[in-house]
Amino acid sequence: MPEVPKTVWLNGKIKKFEDANISILSHGLHYGTGIFEGIRSYKTEDGPAIFRLDDHVKRFFQSARIYSMNLNRSENEIREAILDISIKNNADDSYIRPLAFYSSTKLGLHPSDPDITIAIIVSRLDLYMGKTNDGIRTKISPWRKIDSTALPSMAKGTGQYLSSYLSSRDAKMDGYNEAILLDRSGYVCEGPGENIFSVKNGQVYTPSLESPILAGITRDTVIKIMGKKNQVVEKRIGLSELLTSDEAFFAGTAAEITPISEISGYKLNSSNPHSISNKVKSMYFDVVRGKNGKFKSWLTYLS
């Protein structure tokens, strides 16, 4: 669980955590009318650095546009606010959560005023999936991923994650670590908060963006660090293809790279020390910790 931060950024001001209060009538609390991002900072040899900050800020504003939310702040203002609160909270190996939501206090589905609260929280985060040396056990969820014609999968809307909550809770109640969601046609989508990759005969696959998935920044990172030589194939993946994979792994800001050792009883070789899943995991941590000079432009240093 993340620890409670000492200070947070709230509507342009740095406040003590206990003083950063909102109304219990806030529209975003009642109707899920909010957007958010999940960002990581890491220790590096050159000091703490935020990974792909600019890309996360761009997606934050993309989500706002999709939901017609006027944040009344520029991308640069939010970027600088993230840096400011991260420095004040000594954000090495931390999780950063920008959040924006309608703060109208009048009940009713449509916000009665356009006021939007923006908060930025920095906290420590334990291993999201716990210890994963042996990979994690996953279950195909009975809950289907919400179709993009119902809710925009390219946005990180707070209300959208009720679907993730249901699928993850169902998996954990059955003794699994995490769920895997299919779309309404039965094709593989993603985890509740992670993109998914599979490996067959040395080739890496991931669901294409025509599926109702989030265009994950960690997903994009994996595709780019694999490069042309080991190019990831983006395609619609059938359930039988996934279950007969040699390996599979999750990719996400919180989950980082997490090998999957089991899918609904089907065993995989993802946790093998020489697996492609573990190779990708090692490559990823070299990148986020500044050990791969080719991708240093993705790091924004705090000092």
C-alpha atoms as a PDB file:
ATOM      1  CA  MET A   1       0.000   0.000   0.000  1.00  0.00           C
ATOM      2  CA  PRO A   2       1.248   3.547  -0.714  1.00  0.00           C
ATOM      3  CA  GLU A   3       2.335   5.572   2.285  1.00  0.00           C
ATOM      4  CA  VAL A   4       0.626   8.868   3.145  1.00  0.00           C
ATOM      5  CA  PRO A   5       2.545  11.831   1.650  1.00  0.00           C
ATOM      6  CA  LYS A   6       3.490  14.827   3.785  1.00  0.00           C
ATOM      7  CA  THR A   7       2.324  17.402   1.246  1.00  0.00           C
ATOM      8  CA  VAL A   8       0.191  17.480  -1.896  1.00  0.00           C
ATOM      9  CA  TRP A   9      -0.369  19.970  -4.713  1.00  0.00           C
ATOM     10  CA  LEU A  10      -4.001  21.166  -4.768  1.00  0.00           C
ATOM     11  CA  ASN A  11      -5.286  23.789  -7.208  1.00  0.00           C
ATOM     12  CA  GLY A  12      -1.951  25.575  -7.412  1.00  0.00           C
ATOM     13  CA  LYS A  13      -1.011  25.426  -3.734  1.00  0.00           C
ATOM     14  CA  ILE A  14       1.204  23.091  -1.725  1.00  0.00           C
ATOM     15  CA  LYS A  15      -0.772  21.843   1.271  1.00  0.00           C
ATOM     16  CA  LYS A  16      -0.213  19.462   4.125  1.00  0.00           C
ATOM     17  CA  PHE A  17      -1.869  16.160   3.338  1.00  0.00           C
ATOM     18  CA  GLU A  18      -4.338  16.480   6.221  1.00  0.00           C
ATOM     19  CA  ASP A  19      -5.391  19.956   5.014  1.00  0.00           C
ATOM     20  CA  ALA A  20      -6.068  18.915   1.400  1.00  0.00           C
ATOM     21  CA  ASN A  21      -9.816  18.454   1.859  1.00  0.00           C
ATOM     22  CA  ILE A  22     -12.694  18.352  -0.617  1.00  0.00           C
ATOM     23  CA  SER A  23     -16.458  18.428  -0.188  1.00  0.00           C
ATOM     24  CA  ILE A  24     -18.269  15.129   0.312  1.00  0.00           C
ATOM     25  CA  LEU A  25     -20.729  16.479  -2.297  1.00  0.00           C
ATOM     26  CA  SER A  26     -18.047  16.736  -5.002  1.00  0.00           C
ATOM     27  CA  HIS A  27     -19.462  15.698  -8.367  1.00  0.00           C
ATOM     28  CA  GLY A  28     -16.441  13.547  -9.160  1.00  0.00           C
ATOM     29  CA  LEU A  29     -17.023  11.479  -6.018  1.00  0.00           C
ATOM     30  CA  HIS A  30     -20.678  10.792  -6.817  1.00  0.00           C
ATOM     31  CA  TYR A  31     -20.497  10.284 -10.584  1.00  0.00           C
ATOM     32  CA  GLY A  32     -16.904   9.351 -11.384  1.00  0.00           C
ATOM     33  CA  THR A  33     -16.387  12.481 -13.491  1.00  0.00           C
ATOM     34  CA  GLY A  34     -12.634  12.671 -13.235  1.00  0.00           C
ATOM     35  CA  ILE A  35      -9.400  11.797 -14.983  1.00  0.00           C
ATOM     36  CA  PHE A  36      -6.000  10.751 -13.689  1.00  0.00           C
ATOM     37  CA  GLU A  37      -2.484   9.599 -14.525  1.00  0.00           C
ATOM     38  CA  GLY A  38      -0.034   7.214 -12.899  1.00  0.00           C
ATOM     39  CA  ILE A  39       3.620   8.223 -13.160  1.00  0.00           C
ATOM     40  CA  ARG A  40       6.818   6.776 -11.667  1.00  0.00           C
ATOM     41  CA  SER A  41      10.049   8.320 -10.486  1.00  0.00           C
ATOM     42  CA  TYR A  42      13.172   6.212 -10.021  1.00  0.00           C
ATOM     43  CA  LYS A  43      16.575   6.407  -8.394  1.00  0.00           C
ATOM     44  CA  THR A  44      19.347   6.718 -10.966  1.00  0.00           C
ATOM     45  CA  GLU A  45      23.101   7.254 -10.754  1.00  0.00           C
ATOM     46  CA  ASP A  46      22.474  10.905 -11.662  1.00  0.00           C
ATOM     47  CA  GLY A  47      19.754  11.446  -9.061  1.00  0.00           C
ATOM     48  CA  PRO A  48      15.999  10.804  -8.971  1.00  0.00           C
ATOM     49  CA  ALA A  49      14.205  11.089 -12.310  1.00  0.00           C
ATOM     50  CA  ILE A  50      10.585  10.945 -13.482  1.00  0.00           C
ATOM     51  CA  PHE A  51       9.995   8.490 -16.322  1.00  0.00           C
ATOM     52  CA  ARG A  52       8.311   9.811 -19.475  1.00  0.00           C
ATOM     53  CA  LEU A  53       6.849  12.814 -17.684  1.00  0.00           C
ATOM     54  CA  ASP A  54       5.962  14.732 -20.852  1.00  0.00           C
ATOM     55  CA  ASP A  55       4.101  11.752 -22.320  1.00  0.00           C
ATOM     56  CA  HIS A  56       2.068  11.317 -19.150  1.00  0.00           C
ATOM     57  CA  VAL A  57       1.170  15.021 -19.027  1.00  0.00           C
ATOM     58  CA  LYS A  58       0.091  14.911 -22.696  1.00  0.00           C
ATOM     59  CA  ARG A  59      -2.149  11.920 -22.001  1.00  0.00           C
ATOM     60  CA  PHE A  60      -3.597  13.686 -18.938  1.00  0.00           C
ATOM     61  CA  PHE A  61      -4.704  16.537 -21.184  1.00  0.00           C
ATOM     62  CA  GLN A  62      -5.878  14.102 -23.865  1.00  0.00           C
ATOM     63  CA  SER A  63      -8.167  12.483 -21.276  1.00  0.00           C
ATOM     64  CA  ALA A  64      -9.441  15.927 -20.289  1.00  0.00           C
ATOM     65  CA  ARG A  65     -10.262  16.774 -23.914  1.00  0.00           C
ATOM     66  CA  ILE A  66     -12.056  13.473 -24.477  1.00  0.00           C
ATOM     67  CA  TYR A  67     -14.237  14.175 -21.438  1.00  0.00           C
ATOM     68  CA  SER A  68     -14.642  17.876 -22.365  1.00  0.00           C
ATOM     69  CA  MET A  69     -12.982  19.007 -19.140  1.00  0.00           C
ATOM     70  CA  ASN A  70     -11.374  22.449 -19.235  1.00  0.00           C
ATOM     71  CA  LEU A  71      -8.475  22.266 -16.793  1.00  0.00           C
ATOM     72  CA  ASN A  72      -7.744  26.011 -17.096  1.00  0.00           C
ATOM     73  CA  ARG A  73      -4.040  25.261 -16.845  1.00  0.00           C
ATOM     74  CA  SER A  74      -1.405  24.608 -19.474  1.00  0.00           C
ATOM     75  CA  GLU A  75       0.522  21.375 -19.918  1.00  0.00           C
ATOM     76  CA  ASN A  76       3.658  23.204 -18.799  1.00  0.00           C
ATOM     77  CA  GLU A  77       1.974  24.404 -15.587  1.00  0.00           C
ATOM     78  CA  ILE A  78       0.996  20.833 -14.675  1.00  0.00           C
ATOM     79  CA  ARG A  79       4.434  19.551 -15.638  1.00  0.00           C
ATOM     80  CA  GLU A  80       6.125  22.121 -13.390  1.00  0.00           C
ATOM     81  CA  ALA A  81       3.672  21.387 -10.569  1.00  0.00           C
ATOM     82  CA  ILE A  82       4.534  17.672 -10.775  1.00  0.00           C
ATOM     83  CA  LEU A  83       8.239  18.507 -10.579  1.00  0.00           C
ATOM     84  CA  ASP A  84       7.698  20.904  -7.674  1.00  0.00           C
ATOM     85  CA  ILE A  85       5.698  18.524  -5.478  1.00  0.00           C
ATOM     86  CA  SER A  86       8.015  15.640  -6.404  1.00  0.00           C
ATOM     87  CA  ILE A  87      11.060  17.587  -5.220  1.00  0.00           C
ATOM     88  CA  LYS A  88       9.303  18.609  -1.998  1.00  0.00           C
ATOM     89  CA  ASN A  89       8.444  14.952  -1.314  1.00  0.00           C
ATOM     90  CA  ASN A  90      11.917  13.612  -2.202  1.00  0.00           C
ATOM     91  CA  ALA A  91      10.403  11.502  -4.971  1.00  0.00           C
ATOM     92  CA  ASP A  92      12.970   8.811  -5.634  1.00  0.00           C
ATOM     93  CA  ASP A  93      11.288   5.486  -6.396  1.00  0.00           C
ATOM     94  CA  SER A  94       7.849   7.038  -5.990  1.00  0.00           C
ATOM     95  CA  TYR A  95       4.409   6.912  -7.574  1.00  0.00           C
ATOM     96  CA  ILE A  96       2.901  10.202  -8.766  1.00  0.00           C
ATOM     97  CA  ARG A  97      -0.847  10.639  -9.238  1.00  0.00           C
ATOM     98  CA  PRO A  98      -2.219  13.737 -11.028  1.00  0.00           C
ATOM     99  CA  LEU A  99      -6.004  13.828 -10.615  1.00  0.00           C
ATOM    100  CA  ALA A 100      -8.679  16.189 -11.920  1.00  0.00           C
ATOM    101  CA  PHE A 101     -12.400  16.035 -11.224  1.00  0.00           C
ATOM    102  CA  TYR A 102     -15.529  18.152 -11.280  1.00  0.00           C
ATOM    103  CA  SER A 103     -15.918  19.749  -7.865  1.00  0.00           C
ATOM    104  CA  SER A 104     -19.513  20.967  -8.213  1.00  0.00           C
ATOM    105  CA  THR A 105     -21.392  20.378  -4.931  1.00  0.00           C
ATOM    106  CA  LYS A 106     -24.887  20.275  -6.378  1.00  0.00           C
ATOM    107  CA  LEU A 107     -26.270  16.786  -6.901  1.00  0.00           C
ATOM    108  CA  GLY A 108     -27.240  15.991 -10.467  1.00  0.00           C
ATOM    109  CA  LEU A 109     -25.683  14.070 -13.325  1.00  0.00           C
ATOM    110  CA  HIS A 110     -24.544  17.162 -15.235  1.00  0.00           C
ATOM    111  CA  PRO A 111     -22.147  19.398 -13.228  1.00  0.00           C
ATOM    112  CA  SER A 112     -23.923  22.617 -12.295  1.00  0.00           C
ATOM    113  CA  ASP A 113     -20.693  24.584 -12.644  1.00  0.00           C
ATOM    114  CA  PRO A 114     -17.459  24.026 -14.557  1.00  0.00           C
ATOM    115  CA  ASP A 115     -15.166  24.157 -11.511  1.00  0.00           C
ATOM    116  CA  ILE A 116     -12.528  21.457 -11.616  1.00  0.00           C
ATOM    117  CA  THR A 117     -10.221  20.458  -8.786  1.00  0.00           C
ATOM    118  CA  ILE A 118      -6.707  19.356  -9.724  1.00  0.00           C
ATOM    119  CA  ALA A 119      -4.520  17.499  -7.266  1.00  0.00           C
ATOM    120  CA  ILE A 120      -1.072  15.927  -7.526  1.00  0.00           C
ATOM    121  CA  ILE A 121      -0.097  13.286  -4.971  1.00  0.00           C
ATOM    122  CA  VAL A 122       3.333  11.714  -4.529  1.00  0.00           C
ATOM    123  CA  SER A 123       3.701   8.554  -2.455  1.00  0.00           C
ATOM    124  CA  ARG A 124       5.833   5.483  -2.007  1.00  0.00           C
ATOM    125  CA  LEU A 125       4.384   2.348  -3.545  1.00  0.00           C
ATOM    126  CA  ASP A 126       5.166  -1.199  -2.508  1.00  0.00           C
ATOM    127  CA  LEU A 127       5.492  -3.864  -5.188  1.00  0.00           C
ATOM    128  CA  TYR A 128       2.146  -3.546  -6.980  1.00  0.00           C
ATOM    129  CA  MET A 129       1.794  -7.284  -7.550  1.00  0.00           C
ATOM    130  CA  GLY A 130       3.834  -8.361  -4.545  1.00  0.00           C
ATOM    131  CA  LYS A 131       6.926 -10.520  -5.011  1.00  0.00           C
ATOM    132  CA  THR A 132       6.880 -11.799  -8.570  1.00  0.00           C
ATOM    133  CA  ASN A 133      10.058 -13.870  -8.903  1.00  0.00           C
ATOM    134  CA  ASP A 134       7.894 -16.898  -9.702  1.00  0.00           C
ATOM    135  CA  GLY A 135       5.455 -14.920 -11.855  1.00  0.00           C
ATOM    136  CA  ILE A 136       1.834 -14.253 -10.966  1.00  0.00           C
ATOM    137  CA  ARG A 137      -1.301 -16.340 -11.298  1.00  0.00           C
ATOM    138  CA  THR A 138      -4.060 -14.786 -13.390  1.00  0.00           C
ATOM    139  CA  LYS A 139      -7.657 -15.612 -14.233  1.00  0.00           C
ATOM    140  CA  ILE A 140      -9.718 -14.850 -17.316  1.00  0.00           C
ATOM    141  CA  SER A 141     -12.358 -12.523 -15.929  1.00  0.00           C
ATOM    142  CA  PRO A 142     -16.089 -13.196 -16.381  1.00  0.00           C
ATOM    143  CA  TRP A 143     -16.419  -9.414 -16.703  1.00  0.00           C
ATOM    144  CA  ARG A 144     -15.766  -8.107 -20.224  1.00  0.00           C
ATOM    145  CA  LYS A 145     -13.805  -4.949 -21.005  1.00  0.00           C
ATOM    146  CA  ILE A 146     -16.095  -1.996 -21.646  1.00  0.00           C
ATOM    147  CA  ASP A 147     -16.340  -1.366 -25.377  1.00  0.00           C
ATOM    148  CA  SER A 148     -14.903   1.867 -26.763  1.00  0.00           C
ATOM    149  CA  THR A 149     -18.350   2.760 -28.083  1.00  0.00           C
ATOM    150  CA  ALA A 150     -19.563   2.870 -24.475  1.00  0.00           C
ATOM    151  CA  LEU A 151     -16.605   4.569 -22.772  1.00  0.00           C
ATOM    152  CA  PRO A 152     -13.445   5.925 -24.426  1.00  0.00           C
ATOM    153  CA  SER A 153     -10.646   3.437 -23.767  1.00  0.00           C
ATOM    154  CA  MET A 154      -8.006   5.995 -24.799  1.00  0.00           C
ATOM    155  CA  ALA A 155      -8.828   8.134 -21.751  1.00  0.00           C
ATOM    156  CA  LYS A 156      -8.025   7.415 -18.116  1.00  0.00           C
ATOM    157  CA  GLY A 157     -11.399   8.315 -16.625  1.00  0.00           C
ATOM    158  CA  THR A 158     -11.906   7.546 -12.945  1.00  0.00           C
ATOM    159  CA  GLY A 159     -15.373   6.053 -13.425  1.00  0.00           C
ATOM    160  CA  GLN A 160     -14.088   3.636 -16.066  1.00  0.00           C
ATOM    161  CA  TYR A 161     -12.110   1.739 -13.442  1.00  0.00           C
ATOM    162  CA  LEU A 162     -15.182   0.247 -11.776  1.00  0.00           C
ATOM    163  CA  SER A 163     -14.830  -2.443 -14.433  1.00  0.00           C
ATOM    164  CA  SER A 164     -11.239  -2.994 -13.348  1.00  0.00           C
ATOM    165  CA  TYR A 165     -12.291  -3.194  -9.712  1.00  0.00           C
ATOM    166  CA  LEU A 166     -14.887  -5.884 -10.455  1.00  0.00           C
ATOM    167  CA  SER A 167     -12.533  -8.064 -12.487  1.00  0.00           C
ATOM    168  CA  SER A 168      -9.609  -7.746 -10.093  1.00  0.00           C
ATOM    169  CA  ARG A 169     -11.802  -8.420  -7.056  1.00  0.00           C
ATOM    170  CA  ASP A 170     -13.249 -11.524  -8.719  1.00  0.00           C
ATOM    171  CA  ALA A 171      -9.752 -12.868  -9.447  1.00  0.00           C
ATOM    172  CA  LYS A 172      -8.470 -12.213  -5.934  1.00  0.00           C
ATOM    173  CA  MET A 173     -11.520 -13.848  -4.350  1.00  0.00           C
ATOM    174  CA  ASP A 174     -10.619 -17.003  -6.304  1.00  0.00           C
ATOM    175  CA  GLY A 175      -7.022 -16.907  -5.063  1.00  0.00           C
ATOM    176  CA  TYR A 176      -5.403 -15.363  -8.149  1.00  0.00           C
ATOM    177  CA  ASN A 177      -3.122 -12.318  -8.225  1.00  0.00           C
ATOM    178  CA  GLU A 178      -4.829 -10.538 -11.095  1.00  0.00           C
ATOM    179  CA  ALA A 179      -7.429 -10.775 -13.861  1.00  0.00           C
ATOM    180  CA  ILE A 180      -7.260 -10.682 -17.656  1.00  0.00           C
ATOM    181  CA  LEU A 181     -10.177  -9.080 -19.487  1.00  0.00           C
ATOM    182  CA  LEU A 182     -11.572 -10.024 -22.889  1.00  0.00           C
ATOM    183  CA  ASP A 183     -13.579  -7.753 -25.158  1.00  0.00           C
ATOM    184  CA  ARG A 184     -17.220  -8.403 -26.034  1.00  0.00           C
ATOM    185  CA  SER A 185     -16.119 -10.605 -28.971  1.00  0.00           C
ATOM    186  CA  GLY A 186     -13.879 -12.752 -26.799  1.00  0.00           C
ATOM    187  CA  TYR A 187     -10.528 -11.308 -27.863  1.00  0.00           C
ATOM    188  CA  VAL A 188      -7.823 -10.545 -25.304  1.00  0.00           C
ATOM    189  CA  CYS A 189      -7.705  -6.941 -24.076  1.00  0.00           C
ATOM    190  CA  GLU A 190      -5.627  -6.213 -20.990  1.00  0.00           C
ATOM    191  CA  GLY A 191      -5.426  -6.530 -17.222  1.00  0.00           C
ATOM    192  CA  PRO A 192      -7.470  -4.316 -14.879  1.00  0.00           C
ATOM    193  CA  GLY A 193      -4.672  -1.755 -14.842  1.00  0.00           C
ATOM    194  CA  GLU A 194      -2.053  -3.186 -17.173  1.00  0.00           C
ATOM    195  CA  ASN A 195      -1.468  -3.960 -20.835  1.00  0.00           C
ATOM    196  CA  ILE A 196      -0.643  -7.549 -21.703  1.00  0.00           C
ATOM    197  CA  PHE A 197       1.970  -9.182 -23.947  1.00  0.00           C
ATOM    198  CA  SER A 198       2.300 -12.820 -24.992  1.00  0.00           C
ATOM    199  CA  VAL A 199       5.257 -14.763 -26.385  1.00  0.00           C
ATOM    200  CA  LYS A 200       5.056 -17.694 -28.812  1.00  0.00           C
ATOM    201  CA  ASN A 201       8.090 -19.307 -30.452  1.00  0.00           C
ATOM    202  CA  GLY A 202      10.201 -16.302 -29.566  1.00  0.00           C
ATOM    203  CA  GLN A 203       7.808 -13.738 -31.083  1.00  0.00           C
ATOM    204  CA  VAL A 204       6.224 -11.118 -28.833  1.00  0.00           C
ATOM    205  CA  TYR A 205       2.594 -10.094 -29.402  1.00  0.00           C
ATOM    206  CA  THR A 206       0.273  -7.533 -27.836  1.00  0.00           C
ATOM    207  CA  PRO A 207      -3.350  -6.533 -28.554  1.00  0.00           C
ATOM    208  CA  SER A 208      -3.530  -3.794 -31.175  1.00  0.00           C
ATOM    209  CA  LEU A 209      -5.125  -0.416 -30.553  1.00  0.00           C
ATOM    210  CA  GLU A 210      -8.223  -1.459 -32.486  1.00  0.00           C
ATOM    211  CA  SER A 211      -9.068  -3.371 -29.286  1.00  0.00           C
ATOM    212  CA  PRO A 212     -10.712  -1.390 -26.456  1.00  0.00           C
ATOM    213  CA  ILE A 213      -7.434  -0.966 -24.573  1.00  0.00           C
ATOM    214  CA  LEU A 214      -5.541   1.944 -23.104  1.00  0.00           C
ATOM    215  CA  ALA A 215      -2.592   3.091 -25.203  1.00  0.00           C
ATOM    216  CA  GLY A 216      -0.302   2.459 -22.266  1.00  0.00           C
ATOM    217  CA  ILE A 217       2.941   4.386 -21.963  1.00  0.00           C
ATOM    218  CA  THR A 218       4.686   1.315 -20.540  1.00  0.00           C
ATOM    219  CA  ARG A 219       3.217  -0.672 -23.447  1.00  0.00           C
ATOM    220  CA  ASP A 220       4.772   1.832 -25.831  1.00  0.00           C
ATOM    221  CA  THR A 221       8.036   1.649 -23.899  1.00  0.00           C
ATOM    222  CA  VAL A 222       8.221  -2.127 -24.338  1.00  0.00           C
ATOM    223  CA  ILE A 223       7.515  -1.849 -28.075  1.00  0.00           C
ATOM    224  CA  LYS A 224      10.245   0.771 -28.500  1.00  0.00           C
ATOM    225  CA  ILE A 225      12.932  -0.902 -26.393  1.00  0.00           C
ATOM    226  CA  MET A 226      12.382  -4.204 -28.215  1.00  0.00           C
ATOM    227  CA  GLY A 227      13.185  -2.330 -31.428  1.00  0.00           C
ATOM    228  CA  LYS A 228      13.069  -3.447 -35.041  1.00  0.00           C
ATOM    229  CA  LYS A 229      15.205  -6.529 -34.482  1.00  0.00           C
ATOM    230  CA  ASN A 230      12.710  -8.012 -32.008  1.00  0.00           C
ATOM    231  CA  GLN A 231       9.666  -6.133 -33.256  1.00  0.00           C
ATOM    232  CA  VAL A 232       6.490  -6.603 -31.258  1.00  0.00           C
ATOM    233  CA  VAL A 233       3.514  -7.688 -33.373  1.00  0.00           C
ATOM    234  CA  GLU A 234       0.333  -5.751 -32.587  1.00  0.00           C
ATOM    235  CA  LYS A 235      -2.756  -7.764 -33.462  1.00  0.00           C
ATOM    236  CA  ARG A 236      -6.052  -9.031 -32.126  1.00  0.00           C
ATOM    237  CA  ILE A 237      -5.257 -12.020 -29.914  1.00  0.00           C
ATOM    238  CA  GLY A 238      -7.742 -14.844 -29.453  1.00  0.00           C
ATOM    239  CA  LEU A 239      -8.170 -16.516 -26.077  1.00  0.00           C
ATOM    240  CA  SER A 240      -6.847 -19.847 -27.361  1.00  0.00           C
ATOM    241  CA  GLU A 241      -3.733 -18.060 -28.670  1.00  0.00           C
ATOM    242  CA  LEU A 242      -3.101 -16.588 -25.234  1.00  0.00           C
ATOM    243  CA  LEU A 243      -3.666 -19.848 -23.367  1.00  0.00           C
ATOM    244  CA  THR A 244      -1.219 -21.680 -25.622  1.00  0.00           C
ATOM    245  CA  SER A 245       1.471 -19.008 -25.353  1.00  0.00           C
ATOM    246  CA  ASP A 246       4.921 -19.927 -24.097  1.00  0.00           C
ATOM    247  CA  GLU A 247       5.010 -16.800 -21.945  1.00  0.00           C
ATOM    248  CA  ALA A 248       3.009 -13.715 -21.066  1.00  0.00           C
ATOM    249  CA  PHE A 249       3.614 -10.592 -19.045  1.00  0.00           C
ATOM    250  CA  PHE A 250       1.843  -7.459 -17.870  1.00  0.00           C
ATOM    251  CA  ALA A 251       3.197  -3.960 -18.507  1.00  0.00           C
ATOM    252  CA  GLY A 252       2.041  -0.859 -16.664  1.00  0.00           C
ATOM    253  CA  THR A 253       3.350   2.103 -14.691  1.00  0.00           C
ATOM    254  CA  ALA A 254       2.390   0.581 -11.330  1.00  0.00           C
ATOM    255  CA  ALA A 255       2.879  -3.077 -12.330  1.00  0.00           C
ATOM    256  CA  GLU A 256       6.063  -2.297 -14.300  1.00  0.00           C
ATOM    257  CA  ILE A 257       6.957  -5.589 -16.077  1.00  0.00           C
ATOM    258  CA  THR A 258       5.315  -8.557 -14.354  1.00  0.00           C
ATOM    259  CA  PRO A 259       5.750 -12.097 -15.759  1.00  0.00           C
ATOM    260  CA  ILE A 260       2.586 -14.248 -15.780  1.00  0.00           C
ATOM    261  CA  SER A 261       3.138 -17.876 -14.753  1.00  0.00           C
ATOM    262  CA  GLU A 262      -0.472 -19.071 -14.999  1.00  0.00           C
ATOM    263  CA  ILE A 263      -3.690 -18.147 -16.799  1.00  0.00           C
ATOM    264  CA  SER A 264      -6.808 -19.888 -15.469  1.00  0.00           C
ATOM    265  CA  GLY A 265      -4.876 -23.088 -14.774  1.00  0.00           C
ATOM    266  CA  TYR A 266      -2.717 -22.995 -17.922  1.00  0.00           C
ATOM    267  CA  LYS A 267       0.974 -22.922 -16.942  1.00  0.00           C
ATOM    268  CA  LEU A 268       3.475 -20.677 -18.738  1.00  0.00           C
ATOM    269  CA  ASN A 269       7.281 -20.416 -18.741  1.00  0.00           C
ATOM    270  CA  SER A 270       7.384 -16.674 -18.140  1.00  0.00           C
ATOM    271  CA  SER A 271       9.271 -16.843 -14.831  1.00  0.00           C
ATOM    272  CA  ASN A 272      12.129 -18.891 -16.255  1.00  0.00           C
ATOM    273  CA  PRO A 273      15.335 -16.876 -15.634  1.00  0.00           C
ATOM    274  CA  HIS A 274      16.117 -17.033 -19.383  1.00  0.00           C
ATOM    275  CA  SER A 275      12.595 -16.160 -20.550  1.00  0.00           C
ATOM    276  CA  ILE A 276      11.872 -13.275 -22.888  1.00  0.00           C
ATOM    277  CA  SER A 277       9.559 -11.882 -20.177  1.00  0.00           C
ATOM    278  CA  ASN A 278      12.476 -11.573 -17.765  1.00  0.00           C
ATOM    279  CA  LYS A 279      14.686 -10.178 -20.522  1.00  0.00           C
ATOM    280  CA  VAL A 280      12.128  -7.430 -21.157  1.00  0.00           C
ATOM    281  CA  LYS A 281      11.885  -6.793 -17.405  1.00  0.00           C
ATOM    282  CA  SER A 282      15.657  -6.354 -17.156  1.00  0.00           C
ATOM    283  CA  MET A 283      15.745  -4.076 -20.203  1.00  0.00           C
ATOM    284  CA  TYR A 284      12.912  -1.989 -18.779  1.00  0.00           C
ATOM    285  CA  PHE A 285      14.626  -1.404 -15.438  1.00  0.00           C
ATOM    286  CA  ASP A 286      17.844  -0.455 -17.213  1.00  0.00           C
ATOM    287  CA  VAL A 287      15.877   2.191 -19.100  1.00  0.00           C
ATOM    288  CA  VAL A 288      13.936   3.680 -16.156  1.00  0.00           C
ATOM    289  CA  ARG A 289      17.069   3.760 -13.972  1.00  0.00           C
ATOM    290  CA  GLY A 290      19.097   5.576 -16.611  1.00  0.00           C
ATOM    291  CA  LYS A 291      21.415   2.688 -17.475  1.00  0.00           C
ATOM    292  CA  ASN A 292      20.545   2.714 -21.173  1.00  0.00           C
ATOM    293  CA  GLY A 293      21.861   5.865 -22.818  1.00  0.00           C
ATOM    294  CA  LYS A 294      19.671   5.405 -25.885  1.00  0.00           C
ATOM    295  CA  PHE A 295      16.541   6.238 -23.878  1.00  0.00           C
ATOM    296  CA  LYS A 296      17.845   8.856 -21.418  1.00  0.00           C
ATOM    297  CA  SER A 297      15.645  11.501 -23.041  1.00  0.00           C
ATOM    298  CA  TRP A 298      12.696   9.787 -21.351  1.00  0.00           C
ATOM    299  CA  LEU A 299      14.048  10.810 -17.931  1.00  0.00           C
ATOM    300  CA  THR A 300      13.325  14.176 -16.314  1.00  0.00           C
ATOM    301  CA  TYR A 301      15.755  14.686 -13.440  1.00  0.00           C
ATOM    302  CA  LEU A 302      14.650  16.344 -10.221  1.00  0.00           C
ATOM    303  CA  SER A 303      17.984  17.931  -9.435  1.00  0.00           C
END
